[in-house]
Amino acid sequence: MTTATQRGGARTFVGGGRVLVAAVSTILASTLYYMIFGEVYQQLRGGVNATPDPWAIAVQLGRNFLVAAVLATLLHRLAITTRRSALGVAALVWLGFQAMAVLGSVIHEQYPWGLYVLHIGDALLTTLVMTLILQKGKGDHHA
């Protein structure tokens, strides 16, 4: 499977295999993250059990796949060739979109600050992991 992009009238493709690996890897990274911060997460949620249902994991995998495909397309279209540049793009995507989107919930829906910090930490981790996987093998001589 590949992600199609259009550049200068010529159709190019971003490797879908890496997109799938990135999507699955971020599920694993998030699982580890919440295992490490599980006690804090439980306290912030008021002790409510946070074990996800299998359908929620499947939906999250689909979400991760879409995010990875968009990120791969963005890296490709911006002609990002080094790991350092890719991580810079990832940090901007995280700050400008993910962290700000969740901040809207804090401002408008009184979402707890502690959960905000916990979730954007996970979002940063998964965005960086995704980017490293998507960038791998792209002529990274100067990273």
C-alpha atoms as a PDB file:
ATOM      1  CA  MET A   1       0.000   0.000   0.000  1.00  0.00           C
ATOM      2  CA  THR A   2       1.315   3.474  -0.810  1.00  0.00           C
ATOM      3  CA  THR A   3       0.328   7.048  -0.210  1.00  0.00           C
ATOM      4  CA  ALA A   4       0.058   9.039  -3.424  1.00  0.00           C
ATOM      5  CA  THR A   5       1.272  12.630  -3.632  1.00  0.00           C
ATOM      6  CA  GLN A   6       1.324  15.102  -6.490  1.00  0.00           C
ATOM      7  CA  ARG A   7       4.489  17.116  -7.104  1.00  0.00           C
ATOM      8  CA  GLY A   8       5.168  19.264 -10.142  1.00  0.00           C
ATOM      9  CA  GLY A   9       2.689  17.325 -12.253  1.00  0.00           C
ATOM     10  CA  ALA A  10       4.435  14.005 -11.613  1.00  0.00           C
ATOM     11  CA  ARG A  11       2.845  11.468  -9.319  1.00  0.00           C
ATOM     12  CA  THR A  12       5.132  10.031  -6.664  1.00  0.00           C
ATOM     13  CA  PHE A  13       4.484   7.617  -3.835  1.00  0.00           C
ATOM     14  CA  VAL A  14       5.451   7.541  -0.182  1.00  0.00           C
ATOM     15  CA  GLY A  15       6.071   4.010   1.148  1.00  0.00           C
ATOM     16  CA  GLY A  16       2.930   2.612   2.745  1.00  0.00           C
ATOM     17  CA  GLY A  17       4.897  -0.112   4.515  1.00  0.00           C
ATOM     18  CA  ARG A  18       6.591   2.481   6.703  1.00  0.00           C
ATOM     19  CA  VAL A  19       3.213   4.143   7.290  1.00  0.00           C
ATOM     20  CA  LEU A  20       1.785   0.872   8.614  1.00  0.00           C
ATOM     21  CA  VAL A  21       4.861   0.227  10.776  1.00  0.00           C
ATOM     22  CA  ALA A  22       4.605   3.769  12.161  1.00  0.00           C
ATOM     23  CA  ALA A  23       0.908   3.288  12.963  1.00  0.00           C
ATOM     24  CA  VAL A  24       1.490   0.026  14.827  1.00  0.00           C
ATOM     25  CA  SER A  25       4.652   1.260  16.549  1.00  0.00           C
ATOM     26  CA  THR A  26       2.859   4.257  17.990  1.00  0.00           C
ATOM     27  CA  ILE A  27       0.233   1.979  19.546  1.00  0.00           C
ATOM     28  CA  LEU A  28       3.095   0.174  21.277  1.00  0.00           C
ATOM     29  CA  ALA A  29       4.820   3.437  22.274  1.00  0.00           C
ATOM     30  CA  SER A  30       1.574   4.815  23.741  1.00  0.00           C
ATOM     31  CA  THR A  31       0.979   1.588  25.634  1.00  0.00           C
ATOM     32  CA  LEU A  32       4.427   1.841  27.201  1.00  0.00           C
ATOM     33  CA  TYR A  33       3.903   5.556  27.944  1.00  0.00           C
ATOM     34  CA  TYR A  34       0.634   4.931  29.771  1.00  0.00           C
ATOM     35  CA  MET A  35       2.127   1.945  31.605  1.00  0.00           C
ATOM     36  CA  ILE A  36       4.826   4.266  32.936  1.00  0.00           C
ATOM     37  CA  PHE A  37       2.372   7.059  33.785  1.00  0.00           C
ATOM     38  CA  GLY A  38      -0.581   4.783  34.538  1.00  0.00           C
ATOM     39  CA  GLU A  39      -0.805   5.632  38.209  1.00  0.00           C
ATOM     40  CA  VAL A  40      -0.818   9.363  37.475  1.00  0.00           C
ATOM     41  CA  TYR A  41      -3.379   8.798  34.722  1.00  0.00           C
ATOM     42  CA  GLN A  42      -5.676   6.883  37.092  1.00  0.00           C
ATOM     43  CA  GLN A  43      -5.431   9.626  39.726  1.00  0.00           C
ATOM     44  CA  LEU A  44      -6.204  12.353  37.193  1.00  0.00           C
ATOM     45  CA  ARG A  45      -9.234  10.397  35.973  1.00  0.00           C
ATOM     46  CA  GLY A  46     -10.522   9.935  39.511  1.00  0.00           C
ATOM     47  CA  GLY A  47      -9.683   6.235  39.656  1.00  0.00           C
ATOM     48  CA  VAL A  48     -11.847   5.352  36.645  1.00  0.00           C
ATOM     49  CA  ASN A  49     -10.593   2.222  34.883  1.00  0.00           C
ATOM     50  CA  ALA A  50      -8.967   3.231  31.608  1.00  0.00           C
ATOM     51  CA  THR A  51      -8.568  -0.161  29.929  1.00  0.00           C
ATOM     52  CA  PRO A  52      -9.485   0.410  26.263  1.00  0.00           C
ATOM     53  CA  ASP A  53     -12.012  -1.751  24.473  1.00  0.00           C
ATOM     54  CA  PRO A  54     -10.737  -3.748  21.474  1.00  0.00           C
ATOM     55  CA  TRP A  55     -12.788  -1.561  19.108  1.00  0.00           C
ATOM     56  CA  ALA A  56     -11.113   1.552  20.564  1.00  0.00           C
ATOM     57  CA  ILE A  57      -7.701   0.051  19.820  1.00  0.00           C
ATOM     58  CA  ALA A  58      -8.785  -0.731  16.248  1.00  0.00           C
ATOM     59  CA  VAL A  59     -10.091   2.816  15.761  1.00  0.00           C
ATOM     60  CA  GLN A  60      -6.862   4.221  17.230  1.00  0.00           C
ATOM     61  CA  LEU A  61      -4.837   2.102  14.818  1.00  0.00           C
ATOM     62  CA  GLY A  62      -6.850   3.520  11.917  1.00  0.00           C
ATOM     63  CA  ARG A  63      -6.348   7.026  13.278  1.00  0.00           C
ATOM     64  CA  ASN A  64      -2.610   6.415  13.615  1.00  0.00           C
ATOM     65  CA  PHE A  65      -2.458   5.108  10.046  1.00  0.00           C
ATOM     66  CA  LEU A  66      -4.145   8.252   8.727  1.00  0.00           C
ATOM     67  CA  VAL A  67      -1.881  10.538  10.776  1.00  0.00           C
ATOM     68  CA  ALA A  68       1.214   8.630   9.586  1.00  0.00           C
ATOM     69  CA  ALA A  69       0.068   8.846   5.960  1.00  0.00           C
ATOM     70  CA  VAL A  70      -0.466  12.604   6.258  1.00  0.00           C
ATOM     71  CA  LEU A  71       2.878  13.069   8.018  1.00  0.00           C
ATOM     72  CA  ALA A  72       4.661  10.963   5.370  1.00  0.00           C
ATOM     73  CA  THR A  73       3.053  13.041   2.634  1.00  0.00           C
ATOM     74  CA  LEU A  74       4.037  16.267   4.385  1.00  0.00           C
ATOM     75  CA  LEU A  75       7.652  15.146   4.811  1.00  0.00           C
ATOM     76  CA  HIS A  76       7.752  14.090   1.164  1.00  0.00           C
ATOM     77  CA  ARG A  77       6.194  17.276  -0.199  1.00  0.00           C
ATOM     78  CA  LEU A  78       8.516  19.435   1.889  1.00  0.00           C
ATOM     79  CA  ALA A  79      11.458  17.393   0.539  1.00  0.00           C
ATOM     80  CA  ILE A  80      12.726  16.693   4.044  1.00  0.00           C
ATOM     81  CA  THR A  81      15.905  14.645   3.711  1.00  0.00           C
ATOM     82  CA  THR A  82      17.500  14.625   7.163  1.00  0.00           C
ATOM     83  CA  ARG A  83      16.367  13.202  10.460  1.00  0.00           C
ATOM     84  CA  ARG A  84      16.978  16.541  12.160  1.00  0.00           C
ATOM     85  CA  SER A  85      14.739  18.398   9.701  1.00  0.00           C
ATOM     86  CA  ALA A  86      12.078  15.697   9.979  1.00  0.00           C
ATOM     87  CA  LEU A  87      12.065  15.963  13.773  1.00  0.00           C
ATOM     88  CA  GLY A  88      11.750  19.742  13.423  1.00  0.00           C
ATOM     89  CA  VAL A  89       8.667  19.294  11.249  1.00  0.00           C
ATOM     90  CA  ALA A  90       7.302  16.768  13.753  1.00  0.00           C
ATOM     91  CA  ALA A  91       7.769  19.225  16.620  1.00  0.00           C
ATOM     92  CA  LEU A  92       5.960  21.947  14.674  1.00  0.00           C
ATOM     93  CA  VAL A  93       3.099  19.607  13.768  1.00  0.00           C
ATOM     94  CA  TRP A  94       2.814  18.549  17.408  1.00  0.00           C
ATOM     95  CA  LEU A  95       2.899  22.094  18.790  1.00  0.00           C
ATOM     96  CA  GLY A  96       0.796  23.777  16.132  1.00  0.00           C
ATOM     97  CA  PHE A  97      -1.869  21.133  15.748  1.00  0.00           C
ATOM     98  CA  GLN A  98      -1.953  18.422  18.403  1.00  0.00           C
ATOM     99  CA  ALA A  99      -1.047  20.453  21.498  1.00  0.00           C
ATOM    100  CA  MET A 100      -3.240  23.368  20.401  1.00  0.00           C
ATOM    101  CA  ALA A 101      -6.231  21.159  19.527  1.00  0.00           C
ATOM    102  CA  VAL A 102      -6.254  19.572  22.973  1.00  0.00           C
ATOM    103  CA  LEU A 103      -5.680  22.988  24.589  1.00  0.00           C
ATOM    104  CA  GLY A 104      -9.040  24.001  23.139  1.00  0.00           C
ATOM    105  CA  SER A 105     -10.651  21.384  25.376  1.00  0.00           C
ATOM    106  CA  VAL A 106      -8.896  22.851  28.419  1.00  0.00           C
ATOM    107  CA  ILE A 107     -10.051  26.370  27.578  1.00  0.00           C
ATOM    108  CA  HIS A 108     -13.603  25.673  26.436  1.00  0.00           C
ATOM    109  CA  GLU A 109     -14.580  22.457  28.231  1.00  0.00           C
ATOM    110  CA  GLN A 110     -12.599  22.704  31.489  1.00  0.00           C
ATOM    111  CA  TYR A 111     -10.536  19.636  30.593  1.00  0.00           C
ATOM    112  CA  PRO A 112      -8.052  19.089  33.459  1.00  0.00           C
ATOM    113  CA  TRP A 113      -4.575  20.545  32.951  1.00  0.00           C
ATOM    114  CA  GLY A 114      -2.934  17.384  34.276  1.00  0.00           C
ATOM    115  CA  LEU A 115      -4.656  15.222  31.663  1.00  0.00           C
ATOM    116  CA  TYR A 116      -3.761  17.805  29.025  1.00  0.00           C
ATOM    117  CA  VAL A 117      -0.063  17.569  29.905  1.00  0.00           C
ATOM    118  CA  LEU A 118      -0.223  13.775  30.028  1.00  0.00           C
ATOM    119  CA  HIS A 119      -1.963  13.476  26.648  1.00  0.00           C
ATOM    120  CA  ILE A 120       0.200  15.997  24.810  1.00  0.00           C
ATOM    121  CA  GLY A 121       3.265  14.188  26.162  1.00  0.00           C
ATOM    122  CA  ASP A 122       1.949  11.015  24.546  1.00  0.00           C
ATOM    123  CA  ALA A 123       1.179  12.943  21.357  1.00  0.00           C
ATOM    124  CA  LEU A 124       4.742  14.281  21.245  1.00  0.00           C
ATOM    125  CA  LEU A 125       6.198  10.818  21.807  1.00  0.00           C
ATOM    126  CA  THR A 126       4.069   9.203  19.105  1.00  0.00           C
ATOM    127  CA  THR A 127       4.693  12.009  16.609  1.00  0.00           C
ATOM    128  CA  LEU A 128       8.452  11.702  17.086  1.00  0.00           C
ATOM    129  CA  VAL A 129       8.379   7.886  16.864  1.00  0.00           C
ATOM    130  CA  MET A 130       6.243   8.079  13.736  1.00  0.00           C
ATOM    131  CA  THR A 131       8.589  10.596  12.146  1.00  0.00           C
ATOM    132  CA  LEU A 132      11.712   8.569  12.890  1.00  0.00           C
ATOM    133  CA  ILE A 133      10.135   5.518  11.259  1.00  0.00           C
ATOM    134  CA  LEU A 134       8.914   7.461   8.240  1.00  0.00           C
ATOM    135  CA  GLN A 135      12.256   9.226   7.794  1.00  0.00           C
ATOM    136  CA  LYS A 136      14.403   6.080   8.134  1.00  0.00           C
ATOM    137  CA  GLY A 137      16.438   5.287   5.068  1.00  0.00           C
ATOM    138  CA  LYS A 138      15.964   8.605   3.303  1.00  0.00           C
ATOM    139  CA  GLY A 139      19.599   9.603   2.793  1.00  0.00           C
ATOM    140  CA  ASP A 140      20.153  10.854   6.321  1.00  0.00           C
ATOM    141  CA  HIS A 141      23.890  11.533   6.199  1.00  0.00           C
ATOM    142  CA  HIS A 142      23.845  14.756   8.227  1.00  0.00           C
ATOM    143  CA  ALA A 143      21.545  13.945  11.143  1.00  0.00           C
END
